[in-house]
């Protein structure tokens, strides 16, 4: 009985902390589509599931570096 009460208390505290950690701003559909298009341009293919974590991580690094370079070029 004590274990069940302890487990319930932990579950409640985890769920409350997860709710508090939610981001205040939500992504719009257009932002998600834009990010997916950028990943596809960087070489990511969701059909390449054999190399799943590596291929999306490489594409994300590529997109981040492109964004950093474009922001650097825009600064006067």
Protein backbone atom coordinates (compact mmCIF):
# COMPACT_ATOMS: atom_id res chain seq x y z
CA UNK A 1 0.00 0.00 0.00
CA UNK A 2 2.79 2.40 0.88
CA UNK A 3 4.55 1.60 -2.39
CA UNK A 4 1.42 2.37 -4.41
CA UNK A 5 0.96 5.67 -2.58
CA UNK A 6 4.63 6.51 -3.16
CA UNK A 7 4.36 5.63 -6.87
CA UNK A 8 1.21 7.75 -7.22
CA UNK A 9 2.93 10.70 -5.55
CA UNK A 10 5.90 10.42 -7.92
CA UNK A 11 3.61 10.15 -10.95
CA UNK A 12 1.70 13.24 -9.84
CA UNK A 13 4.85 15.27 -9.28
CA UNK A 14 6.24 14.25 -12.67
CA UNK A 15 3.02 15.17 -14.46
CA UNK A 16 2.88 18.56 -12.73
CA UNK A 17 6.50 19.29 -13.62
CA UNK A 18 5.86 18.30 -17.25
CA UNK A 19 2.94 20.70 -17.44
CA UNK A 20 5.05 23.47 -16.00
CA UNK A 21 7.82 22.79 -18.52
CA UNK A 22 5.61 23.20 -21.59
CA UNK A 23 6.81 25.90 -23.93
CA UNK A 24 4.71 29.03 -23.90
CA UNK A 25 4.79 29.44 -27.66
CA UNK A 26 3.42 26.83 -30.01
CA UNK A 27 4.76 26.21 -33.49
CA UNK A 28 2.45 27.07 -36.33
CA UNK A 29 1.75 24.67 -39.16
CA UNK A 30 3.71 26.91 -41.54
CA UNK A 31 6.76 26.80 -39.24
CA UNK A 32 6.66 23.00 -39.09
CA UNK A 33 6.32 22.75 -42.87
CA UNK A 34 9.20 25.19 -43.32
CA UNK A 35 11.42 23.17 -40.99
CA UNK A 36 10.57 19.91 -42.77
CA UNK A 37 11.35 21.47 -46.14
CA UNK A 38 14.70 22.69 -44.84
CA UNK A 39 15.51 19.20 -43.57
CA UNK A 40 14.61 17.69 -46.94
CA UNK A 41 16.85 20.23 -48.72
CA UNK A 42 19.65 19.26 -46.33
CA UNK A 43 19.37 15.64 -47.41
CA UNK A 44 17.04 14.11 -44.83
CA UNK A 45 14.70 11.42 -46.10
CA UNK A 46 12.15 9.85 -43.73
CA UNK A 47 12.19 6.78 -45.94
CA UNK A 48 15.82 6.10 -44.96
CA UNK A 49 14.83 4.53 -41.66
CA UNK A 50 17.90 2.28 -41.58
CA UNK A 51 20.13 5.26 -40.72
CA UNK A 52 17.41 7.07 -38.76
CA UNK A 53 19.06 8.91 -35.92
CA UNK A 54 22.21 9.72 -37.83
CA UNK A 55 20.56 11.07 -40.98
CA UNK A 56 18.17 13.48 -39.26
CA UNK A 57 20.85 14.68 -36.85
CA UNK A 58 23.19 15.40 -39.76
CA UNK A 59 20.42 17.27 -41.58
CA UNK A 60 19.60 19.29 -38.45
CA UNK A 61 23.27 20.25 -38.04
CA UNK A 62 23.37 21.31 -41.69
CA UNK A 63 20.22 23.44 -41.33
CA UNK A 64 21.53 25.04 -38.13
CA UNK A 65 24.83 25.91 -39.75
CA UNK A 66 23.04 27.41 -42.77
CA UNK A 67 20.88 29.52 -40.47
CA UNK A 68 23.91 30.65 -38.48
CA UNK A 69 25.74 31.59 -41.68
CA UNK A 70 22.76 33.50 -43.04
CA UNK A 71 22.39 35.42 -39.76
CA UNK A 72 26.10 36.19 -39.77
CA UNK A 73 25.91 37.53 -43.32
CA UNK A 74 22.92 39.75 -42.51
CA UNK A 75 24.71 41.55 -39.67
CA UNK A 76 26.33 44.86 -40.72
